[in-house]
């Protein structure tokens, strides 16, 4: 009987060890390529992200500038019309 208990205990301990190994293997992440460990590669990735953000920022600024220039030209045209009307008014006096 003592041998039987011991056998069950041994089976339990191997089952527990197997579960622990599975848990540990689940905790270990997938291997990361060595290129991702390089500080240079990380720097390049950060630069690419910033470059993308900067390019979108520049595009938006160019759109705003074009819009502002259109509005300014419209304003200048209106001012020229007002000046022409004023000149006509002064000439009639």
PDB file of N, CA and C in Angstrom:
ATOM      1  N   UNK A   1       0.806  -1.189   0.000  1.00  0.00           N
ATOM      2  CA  UNK A   1       0.000   0.000   0.000  1.00  0.00           C
ATOM      3  C   UNK A   1       0.856   1.264   0.000  1.00  0.00           C
ATOM      4  N   UNK A   2       1.946   1.191   0.724  1.00  0.00           N
ATOM      5  CA  UNK A   2       2.805   2.351   0.756  1.00  0.00           C
ATOM      6  C   UNK A   2       3.366   2.629  -0.628  1.00  0.00           C
ATOM      7  N   UNK A   3       3.659   1.594  -1.391  1.00  0.00           N
ATOM      8  CA  UNK A   3       4.161   1.755  -2.753  1.00  0.00           C
ATOM      9  C   UNK A   3       3.129   2.390  -3.660  1.00  0.00           C
ATOM     10  N   UNK A   4       1.896   2.027  -3.443  1.00  0.00           N
ATOM     11  CA  UNK A   4       0.821   2.596  -4.245  1.00  0.00           C
ATOM     12  C   UNK A   4       0.680   4.096  -4.011  1.00  0.00           C
ATOM     13  N   UNK A   5       0.681   4.488  -2.731  1.00  0.00           N
ATOM     14  CA  UNK A   5       0.567   5.905  -2.428  1.00  0.00           C
ATOM     15  C   UNK A   5       1.726   6.678  -3.053  1.00  0.00           C
ATOM     16  N   UNK A   6       2.870   6.065  -2.948  1.00  0.00           N
ATOM     17  CA  UNK A   6       4.050   6.733  -3.499  1.00  0.00           C
ATOM     18  C   UNK A   6       3.922   6.879  -5.013  1.00  0.00           C
ATOM     19  N   UNK A   7       3.395   5.864  -5.666  1.00  0.00           N
ATOM     20  CA  UNK A   7       3.227   5.914  -7.111  1.00  0.00           C
ATOM     21  C   UNK A   7       2.244   7.025  -7.491  1.00  0.00           C
ATOM     22  N   UNK A   8       1.144   7.124  -6.736  1.00  0.00           N
ATOM     23  CA  UNK A   8       0.187   8.178  -7.019  1.00  0.00           C
ATOM     24  C   UNK A   8       0.810   9.545  -6.804  1.00  0.00           C
ATOM     25  N   UNK A   9       1.586   9.671  -5.746  1.00  0.00           N
ATOM     26  CA  UNK A   9       2.250  10.932  -5.457  1.00  0.00           C
ATOM     27  C   UNK A   9       3.205  11.294  -6.592  1.00  0.00           C
ATOM     28  N   UNK A  10       3.919  10.304  -7.094  1.00  0.00           N
ATOM     29  CA  UNK A  10       4.853  10.546  -8.189  1.00  0.00           C
ATOM     30  C   UNK A  10       4.091  10.978  -9.435  1.00  0.00           C
ATOM     31  N   UNK A  11       2.963  10.340  -9.727  1.00  0.00           N
ATOM     32  CA  UNK A  11       2.168  10.718 -10.892  1.00  0.00           C
ATOM     33  C   UNK A  11       1.637  12.148 -10.734  1.00  0.00           C
ATOM     34  N   UNK A  12       1.189  12.479  -9.521  1.00  0.00           N
ATOM     35  CA  UNK A  12       0.694  13.824  -9.280  1.00  0.00           C
ATOM     36  C   UNK A  12       1.791  14.857  -9.472  1.00  0.00           C
ATOM     37  N   UNK A  13       2.975  14.561  -8.971  1.00  0.00           N
ATOM     38  CA  UNK A  13       4.063  15.524  -9.073  1.00  0.00           C
ATOM     39  C   UNK A  13       4.464  15.730 -10.533  1.00  0.00           C
ATOM     40  N   UNK A  14       4.440  14.699 -11.355  1.00  0.00           N
ATOM     41  CA  UNK A  14       4.789  14.884 -12.767  1.00  0.00           C
ATOM     42  C   UNK A  14       3.693  15.655 -13.483  1.00  0.00           C
ATOM     43  N   UNK A  15       2.425  15.416 -13.086  1.00  0.00           N
ATOM     44  CA  UNK A  15       1.342  16.181 -13.695  1.00  0.00           C
ATOM     45  C   UNK A  15       1.471  17.660 -13.349  1.00  0.00           C
ATOM     46  N   UNK A  16       1.794  17.936 -12.098  1.00  0.00           N
ATOM     47  CA  UNK A  16       1.955  19.318 -11.657  1.00  0.00           C
ATOM     48  C   UNK A  16       3.132  19.947 -12.384  1.00  0.00           C
ATOM     49  N   UNK A  17       4.235  19.195 -12.497  1.00  0.00           N
ATOM     50  CA  UNK A  17       5.397  19.736 -13.203  1.00  0.00           C
ATOM     51  C   UNK A  17       5.052  20.004 -14.662  1.00  0.00           C
ATOM     52  N   UNK A  18       4.286  19.120 -15.287  1.00  0.00           N
ATOM     53  CA  UNK A  18       3.882  19.320 -16.676  1.00  0.00           C
ATOM     54  C   UNK A  18       3.029  20.562 -16.842  1.00  0.00           C
ATOM     55  N   UNK A  19       2.117  20.786 -15.893  1.00  0.00           N
ATOM     56  CA  UNK A  19       1.275  21.986 -15.938  1.00  0.00           C
ATOM     57  C   UNK A  19       2.113  23.239 -15.733  1.00  0.00           C
ATOM     58  N   UNK A  20       3.077  23.169 -14.831  1.00  0.00           N
ATOM     59  CA  UNK A  20       3.950  24.309 -14.582  1.00  0.00           C
ATOM     60  C   UNK A  20       4.751  24.633 -15.828  1.00  0.00           C
ATOM     61  N   UNK A  21       5.259  23.589 -16.495  1.00  0.00           N
ATOM     62  CA  UNK A  21       6.028  23.811 -17.717  1.00  0.00           C
ATOM     63  C   UNK A  21       5.159  24.457 -18.793  1.00  0.00           C
ATOM     64  N   UNK A  22       3.912  24.001 -18.923  1.00  0.00           N
ATOM     65  CA  UNK A  22       3.013  24.586 -19.904  1.00  0.00           C
ATOM     66  C   UNK A  22       2.734  26.049 -19.577  1.00  0.00           C
ATOM     67  N   UNK A  23       2.534  26.325 -18.268  1.00  0.00           N
ATOM     68  CA  UNK A  23       2.294  27.707 -17.849  1.00  0.00           C
ATOM     69  C   UNK A  23       3.500  28.583 -18.167  1.00  0.00           C
ATOM     70  N   UNK A  24       4.668  28.045 -17.894  1.00  0.00           N
ATOM     71  CA  UNK A  24       5.897  28.802 -18.157  1.00  0.00           C
ATOM     72  C   UNK A  24       6.056  29.030 -19.652  1.00  0.00           C
ATOM     73  N   UNK A  25       5.787  28.003 -20.460  1.00  0.00           N
ATOM     74  CA  UNK A  25       5.910  28.164 -21.904  1.00  0.00           C
ATOM     75  C   UNK A  25       4.908  29.174 -22.447  1.00  0.00           C
ATOM     76  N   UNK A  26       3.731  29.251 -21.826  1.00  0.00           N
ATOM     77  CA  UNK A  26       2.747  30.245 -22.250  1.00  0.00           C
ATOM     78  C   UNK A  26       3.218  31.654 -21.925  1.00  0.00           C
ATOM     79  N   UNK A  27       3.953  31.800 -20.825  1.00  0.00           N
ATOM     80  CA  UNK A  27       4.437  33.117 -20.431  1.00  0.00           C
ATOM     81  C   UNK A  27       5.553  33.618 -21.337  1.00  0.00           C
ATOM     82  N   UNK A  28       6.299  32.692 -21.914  1.00  0.00           N
ATOM     83  CA  UNK A  28       7.404  33.069 -22.789  1.00  0.00           C
ATOM     84  C   UNK A  28       6.803  33.538 -24.112  1.00  0.00           C
ATOM     85  N   UNK A  29       7.142  34.739 -24.512  1.00  0.00           N
ATOM     86  CA  UNK A  29       6.591  35.273 -25.755  1.00  0.00           C
ATOM     87  C   UNK A  29       7.284  34.654 -26.957  1.00  0.00           C
ATOM     88  N   UNK A  30       6.713  34.901 -28.111  1.00  0.00           N
ATOM     89  CA  UNK A  30       7.300  34.391 -29.351  1.00  0.00           C
ATOM     90  C   UNK A  30       8.672  35.016 -29.522  1.00  0.00           C
ATOM     91  N   UNK A  31       9.578  34.303 -30.131  1.00  0.00           N
ATOM     92  CA  UNK A  31      10.919  34.854 -30.313  1.00  0.00           C
ATOM     93  C   UNK A  31      10.879  36.137 -31.150  1.00  0.00           C
ATOM     94  N   UNK A  32      11.659  37.090 -30.747  1.00  0.00           N
ATOM     95  CA  UNK A  32      11.727  38.374 -31.436  1.00  0.00           C
ATOM     96  C   UNK A  32      12.949  38.357 -32.342  1.00  0.00           C
ATOM     97  N   UNK A  33      12.781  38.741 -33.607  1.00  0.00           N
ATOM     98  CA  UNK A  33      13.944  38.773 -34.495  1.00  0.00           C
ATOM     99  C   UNK A  33      15.034  39.678 -33.932  1.00  0.00           C
ATOM    100  N   UNK A  34      16.262  39.308 -34.182  1.00  0.00           N
ATOM    101  CA  UNK A  34      17.378  40.076 -33.637  1.00  0.00           C
ATOM    102  C   UNK A  34      17.381  41.509 -34.130  1.00  0.00           C
ATOM    103  N   UNK A  35      16.879  41.739 -35.338  1.00  0.00           N
ATOM    104  CA  UNK A  35      16.893  43.105 -35.862  1.00  0.00           C
ATOM    105  C   UNK A  35      16.041  44.033 -35.008  1.00  0.00           C
ATOM    106  N   UNK A  36      15.049  43.522 -34.307  1.00  0.00           N
ATOM    107  CA  UNK A  36      14.207  44.370 -33.470  1.00  0.00           C
ATOM    108  C   UNK A  36      14.898  44.725 -32.156  1.00  0.00           C
ATOM    109  N   UNK A  37      15.962  44.035 -31.838  1.00  0.00           N
ATOM    110  CA  UNK A  37      16.692  44.344 -30.612  1.00  0.00           C
ATOM    111  C   UNK A  37      17.672  45.484 -30.829  1.00  0.00           C
ATOM    112  N   UNK A  38      18.010  45.737 -32.067  1.00  0.00           N
ATOM    113  CA  UNK A  38      19.011  46.745 -32.376  1.00  0.00           C
ATOM    114  C   UNK A  38      18.481  48.133 -32.039  1.00  0.00           C
ATOM    115  N   UNK A  39      19.277  48.919 -31.347  1.00  0.00           N
ATOM    116  CA  UNK A  39      18.871  50.284 -31.019  1.00  0.00           C
ATOM    117  C   UNK A  39      18.728  51.121 -32.288  1.00  0.00           C
ATOM    118  N   UNK A  40      19.578  50.836 -33.263  1.00  0.00           N
ATOM    119  CA  UNK A  40      19.503  51.558 -34.529  1.00  0.00           C
ATOM    120  C   UNK A  40      18.175  51.294 -35.223  1.00  0.00           C
ATOM    121  N   UNK A  41      17.754  50.017 -35.244  1.00  0.00           N
ATOM    122  CA  UNK A  41      16.479  49.681 -35.885  1.00  0.00           C
ATOM    123  C   UNK A  41      15.307  50.318 -35.152  1.00  0.00           C
ATOM    124  N   UNK A  42      15.383  50.352 -33.838  1.00  0.00           N
ATOM    125  CA  UNK A  42      14.329  51.013 -33.067  1.00  0.00           C
ATOM    126  C   UNK A  42      14.302  52.505 -33.385  1.00  0.00           C
ATOM    127  N   UNK A  43      15.478  53.096 -33.513  1.00  0.00           N
ATOM    128  CA  UNK A  43      15.576  54.512 -33.850  1.00  0.00           C
ATOM    129  C   UNK A  43      14.988  54.778 -35.233  1.00  0.00           C
ATOM    130  N   UNK A  44      15.271  53.886 -36.173  1.00  0.00           N
ATOM    131  CA  UNK A  44      14.725  54.034 -37.524  1.00  0.00           C
ATOM    132  C   UNK A  44      13.200  53.953 -37.494  1.00  0.00           C
ATOM    133  N   UNK A  45      12.656  53.023 -36.702  1.00  0.00           N
ATOM    134  CA  UNK A  45      11.196  52.911 -36.603  1.00  0.00           C
ATOM    135  C   UNK A  45      10.590  54.182 -36.020  1.00  0.00           C
ATOM    136  N   UNK A  46      11.224  54.726 -34.969  1.00  0.00           N
ATOM    137  CA  UNK A  46      10.728  55.965 -34.364  1.00  0.00           C
ATOM    138  C   UNK A  46      10.799  57.102 -35.383  1.00  0.00           C
ATOM    139  N   UNK A  47      11.898  57.163 -36.129  1.00  0.00           N
ATOM    140  CA  UNK A  47      12.053  58.204 -37.136  1.00  0.00           C
ATOM    141  C   UNK A  47      10.961  58.084 -38.199  1.00  0.00           C
ATOM    142  N   UNK A  48      10.680  56.854 -38.634  1.00  0.00           N
ATOM    143  CA  UNK A  48       9.635  56.645 -39.642  1.00  0.00           C
ATOM    144  C   UNK A  48       8.285  57.127 -39.133  1.00  0.00           C
ATOM    145  N   UNK A  49       7.982  56.836 -37.869  1.00  0.00           N
ATOM    146  CA  UNK A  49       6.714  57.304 -37.294  1.00  0.00           C
ATOM    147  C   UNK A  49       6.656  58.826 -37.269  1.00  0.00           C
ATOM    148  N   UNK A  50       7.745  59.453 -36.825  1.00  0.00           N
ATOM    149  CA  UNK A  50       7.772  60.914 -36.767  1.00  0.00           C
ATOM    150  C   UNK A  50       7.718  61.511 -38.161  1.00  0.00           C
ATOM    151  N   UNK A  51       8.396  60.880 -39.105  1.00  0.00           N
ATOM    152  CA  UNK A  51       8.385  61.384 -40.482  1.00  0.00           C
ATOM    153  C   UNK A  51       6.964  61.348 -41.040  1.00  0.00           C
ATOM    154  N   UNK A  52       6.226  60.269 -40.776  1.00  0.00           N
ATOM    155  CA  UNK A  52       4.846  60.158 -41.222  1.00  0.00           C
ATOM    156  C   UNK A  52       3.996  61.249 -40.596  1.00  0.00           C
ATOM    157  N   UNK A  53       4.160  61.455 -39.304  1.00  0.00           N
ATOM    158  CA  UNK A  53       3.398  62.505 -38.619  1.00  0.00           C
ATOM    159  C   UNK A  53       3.749  63.873 -39.178  1.00  0.00           C
ATOM    160  N   UNK A  54       5.041  64.102 -39.407  1.00  0.00           N
ATOM    161  CA  UNK A  54       5.493  65.395 -39.906  1.00  0.00           C
ATOM    162  C   UNK A  54       4.947  65.642 -41.310  1.00  0.00           C
ATOM    163  N   UNK A  55       4.961  64.601 -42.159  1.00  0.00           N
ATOM    164  CA  UNK A  55       4.445  64.757 -43.518  1.00  0.00           C
ATOM    165  C   UNK A  55       2.958  65.099 -43.502  1.00  0.00           C
ATOM    166  N   UNK A  56       2.186  64.456 -42.629  1.00  0.00           N
ATOM    167  CA  UNK A  56       0.755  64.780 -42.548  1.00  0.00           C
ATOM    168  C   UNK A  56       0.571  66.202 -42.015  1.00  0.00           C
ATOM    169  N   UNK A  57       1.414  66.616 -41.083  1.00  0.00           N
ATOM    170  CA  UNK A  57       1.351  67.980 -40.553  1.00  0.00           C
ATOM    171  C   UNK A  57       1.643  68.993 -41.662  1.00  0.00           C
ATOM    172  N   UNK A  58       2.682  68.731 -42.454  1.00  0.00           N
ATOM    173  CA  UNK A  58       3.048  69.631 -43.547  1.00  0.00           C
ATOM    174  C   UNK A  58       1.920  69.708 -44.571  1.00  0.00           C
ATOM    175  N   UNK A  59       1.321  68.571 -44.894  1.00  0.00           N
ATOM    176  CA  UNK A  59       0.209  68.548 -45.843  1.00  0.00           C
ATOM    177  C   UNK A  59      -0.946  69.403 -45.343  1.00  0.00           C
ATOM    178  N   UNK A  60      -1.290  69.259 -44.062  1.00  0.00           N
ATOM    179  CA  UNK A  60      -2.370  70.070 -43.494  1.00  0.00           C
ATOM    180  C   UNK A  60      -2.017  71.551 -43.515  1.00  0.00           C
ATOM    181  N   UNK A  61      -0.770  71.872 -43.203  1.00  0.00           N
ATOM    182  CA  UNK A  61      -0.356  73.273 -43.208  1.00  0.00           C
ATOM    183  C   UNK A  61      -0.428  73.851 -44.616  1.00  0.00           C
ATOM    184  N   UNK A  62      -0.048  73.067 -45.610  1.00  0.00           N
ATOM    185  CA  UNK A  62      -0.126  73.539 -46.992  1.00  0.00           C
ATOM    186  C   UNK A  62      -1.580  73.764 -47.406  1.00  0.00           C
ATOM    187  N   UNK A  63      -2.465  72.883 -46.962  1.00  0.00           N
ATOM    188  CA  UNK A  63      -3.893  73.061 -47.268  1.00  0.00           C
ATOM    189  C   UNK A  63      -4.426  74.332 -46.609  1.00  0.00           C
ATOM    190  N   UNK A  64      -4.052  74.544 -45.347  1.00  0.00           N
ATOM    191  CA  UNK A  64      -4.490  75.759 -44.642  1.00  0.00           C
ATOM    192  C   UNK A  64      -3.929  77.009 -45.323  1.00  0.00           C
ATOM    193  N   UNK A  65      -2.669  76.922 -45.739  1.00  0.00           N
ATOM    194  CA  UNK A  65      -2.039  78.067 -46.396  1.00  0.00           C
ATOM    195  C   UNK A  65      -2.764  78.387 -47.712  1.00  0.00           C
ATOM    196  N   UNK A  66      -3.068  77.359 -48.499  1.00  0.00           N
ATOM    197  CA  UNK A  66      -3.786  77.574 -49.758  1.00  0.00           C
ATOM    198  C   UNK A  66      -5.155  78.197 -49.497  1.00  0.00           C
ATOM    199  N   UNK A  67      -5.846  77.708 -48.486  1.00  0.00           N
ATOM    200  CA  UNK A  67      -7.160  78.255 -48.116  1.00  0.00           C
ATOM    201  C   UNK A  67      -7.025  79.723 -47.692  1.00  0.00           C
ATOM    202  N   UNK A  68      -6.025  80.003 -46.842  1.00  0.00           N
ATOM    203  CA  UNK A  68      -5.808  81.378 -46.379  1.00  0.00           C
ATOM    204  C   UNK A  68      -5.445  82.306 -47.535  1.00  0.00           C
ATOM    205  N   UNK A  69      -4.643  81.822 -48.466  1.00  0.00           N
ATOM    206  CA  UNK A  69      -4.264  82.644 -49.612  1.00  0.00           C
ATOM    207  C   UNK A  69      -5.481  82.949 -50.490  1.00  0.00           C
ATOM    208  N   UNK A  70      -6.346  81.963 -50.674  1.00  0.00           N
ATOM    209  CA  UNK A  70      -7.577  82.195 -51.448  1.00  0.00           C
ATOM    210  C   UNK A  70      -8.438  83.256 -50.769  1.00  0.00           C
ATOM    211  N   UNK A  71      -8.581  83.128 -49.465  1.00  0.00           N
ATOM    212  CA  UNK A  71      -9.379  84.120 -48.721  1.00  0.00           C
ATOM    213  C   UNK A  71      -8.731  85.501 -48.781  1.00  0.00           C
ATOM    214  N   UNK A  72      -7.395  85.549 -48.697  1.00  0.00           N
ATOM    215  CA  UNK A  72      -6.697  86.827 -48.756  1.00  0.00           C
ATOM    216  C   UNK A  72      -6.882  87.476 -50.123  1.00  0.00           C
ATOM    217  N   UNK A  73      -6.753  86.681 -51.191  1.00  0.00           N
ATOM    218  CA  UNK A  73      -6.943  87.234 -52.539  1.00  0.00           C
ATOM    219  C   UNK A  73      -8.371  87.740 -52.728  1.00  0.00           C
ATOM    220  N   UNK A  74      -9.335  87.020 -52.163  1.00  0.00           N
ATOM    221  CA  UNK A  74     -10.721  87.461 -52.199  1.00  0.00           C
ATOM    222  C   UNK A  74     -10.882  88.786 -51.449  1.00  0.00           C
ATOM    223  N   UNK A  75     -10.248  88.880 -50.291  1.00  0.00           N
ATOM    224  CA  UNK A  75     -10.292  90.099 -49.491  1.00  0.00           C
ATOM    225  C   UNK A  75      -9.668  91.267 -50.247  1.00  0.00           C
ATOM    226  N   UNK A  76      -8.510  91.016 -50.859  1.00  0.00           N
ATOM    227  CA  UNK A  76      -7.827  92.075 -51.602  1.00  0.00           C
ATOM    228  C   UNK A  76      -8.706  92.535 -52.763  1.00  0.00           C
ATOM    229  N   UNK A  77      -9.349  91.587 -53.437  1.00  0.00           N
ATOM    230  CA  UNK A  77     -10.255  91.952 -54.534  1.00  0.00           C
ATOM    231  C   UNK A  77     -11.391  92.829 -54.041  1.00  0.00           C
ATOM    232  N   UNK A  78     -11.960  92.474 -52.885  1.00  0.00           N
ATOM    233  CA  UNK A  78     -13.040  93.291 -52.317  1.00  0.00           C
ATOM    234  C   UNK A  78     -12.537  94.676 -51.948  1.00  0.00           C
ATOM    235  N   UNK A  79     -11.342  94.744 -51.394  1.00  0.00           N
ATOM    236  CA  UNK A  79     -10.775  96.044 -51.008  1.00  0.00           C
ATOM    237  C   UNK A  79     -10.541  96.905 -52.242  1.00  0.00           C
ATOM    238  N   UNK A  80     -10.073  96.282 -53.322  1.00  0.00           N
ATOM    239  CA  UNK A  80      -9.853  97.039 -54.552  1.00  0.00           C
ATOM    240  C   UNK A  80     -11.179  97.572 -55.097  1.00  0.00           C
ATOM    241  N   UNK A  81     -12.241  96.772 -54.976  1.00  0.00           N
ATOM    242  CA  UNK A  81     -13.556  97.241 -55.403  1.00  0.00           C
ATOM    243  C   UNK A  81     -14.012  98.418 -54.542  1.00  0.00           C
ATOM    244  N   UNK A  82     -13.788  98.318 -53.236  1.00  0.00           N
ATOM    245  CA  UNK A  82     -14.162  99.421 -52.337  1.00  0.00           C
ATOM    246  C   UNK A  82     -13.364 100.679 -52.668  1.00  0.00           C
ATOM    247  N   UNK A  83     -12.091 100.519 -52.930  1.00  0.00           N
ATOM    248  CA  UNK A  83     -11.247 101.679 -53.264  1.00  0.00           C
ATOM    249  C   UNK A  83     -11.712 102.296 -54.575  1.00  0.00           C
ATOM    250  N   UNK A  84     -12.044 101.428 -55.547  1.00  0.00           N
ATOM    251  CA  UNK A  84     -12.529 101.952 -56.834  1.00  0.00           C
ATOM    252  C   UNK A  84     -13.824 102.713 -56.642  1.00  0.00           C
ATOM    253  N   UNK A  85     -14.743 102.209 -55.825  1.00  0.00           N
ATOM    254  CA  UNK A  85     -15.996 102.924 -55.554  1.00  0.00           C
ATOM    255  C   UNK A  85     -15.728 104.262 -54.847  1.00  0.00           C
ATOM    256  N   UNK A  86     -14.784 104.211 -53.890  1.00  0.00           N
ATOM    257  CA  UNK A  86     -14.453 105.451 -53.179  1.00  0.00           C
ATOM    258  C   UNK A  86     -13.857 106.471 -54.139  1.00  0.00           C
ATOM    259  N   UNK A  87     -12.971 106.017 -55.023  1.00  0.00           N
ATOM    260  CA  UNK A  87     -12.374 106.930 -56.012  1.00  0.00           C
ATOM    261  C   UNK A  87     -13.459 107.525 -56.903  1.00  0.00           C
ATOM    262  N   UNK A  88     -14.417 106.711 -57.318  1.00  0.00           N
ATOM    263  CA  UNK A  88     -15.536 107.207 -58.119  1.00  0.00           C
ATOM    264  C   UNK A  88     -16.331 108.243 -57.342  1.00  0.00           C
ATOM    265  N   UNK A  89     -16.563 107.978 -56.085  1.00  0.00           N
ATOM    266  CA  UNK A  89     -17.323 108.884 -55.227  1.00  0.00           C
ATOM    267  C   UNK A  89     -16.576 110.220 -55.088  1.00  0.00           C
ATOM    268  N   UNK A  90     -15.259 110.143 -54.861  1.00  0.00           N
ATOM    269  CA  UNK A  90     -14.455 111.354 -54.698  1.00  0.00           C
ATOM    270  C   UNK A  90     -14.428 112.126 -56.022  1.00  0.00           C
ATOM    271  N   UNK A  91     -14.329 111.420 -57.137  1.00  0.00           N
ATOM    272  CA  UNK A  91     -14.279 112.086 -58.437  1.00  0.00           C
ATOM    273  C   UNK A  91     -15.601 112.788 -58.725  1.00  0.00           C
ATOM    274  N   UNK A  92     -16.709 112.257 -58.271  1.00  0.00           N
ATOM    275  CA  UNK A  92     -18.006 112.889 -58.505  1.00  0.00           C
ATOM    276  C   UNK A  92     -18.224 114.113 -57.638  1.00  0.00           C
ATOM    277  N   UNK A  93     -17.525 114.274 -56.561  1.00  0.00           N
ATOM    278  CA  UNK A  93     -17.713 115.396 -55.653  1.00  0.00           C
ATOM    279  C   UNK A  93     -17.058 116.591 -56.194  1.00  0.00           C
TER     280      UNK A  93
END
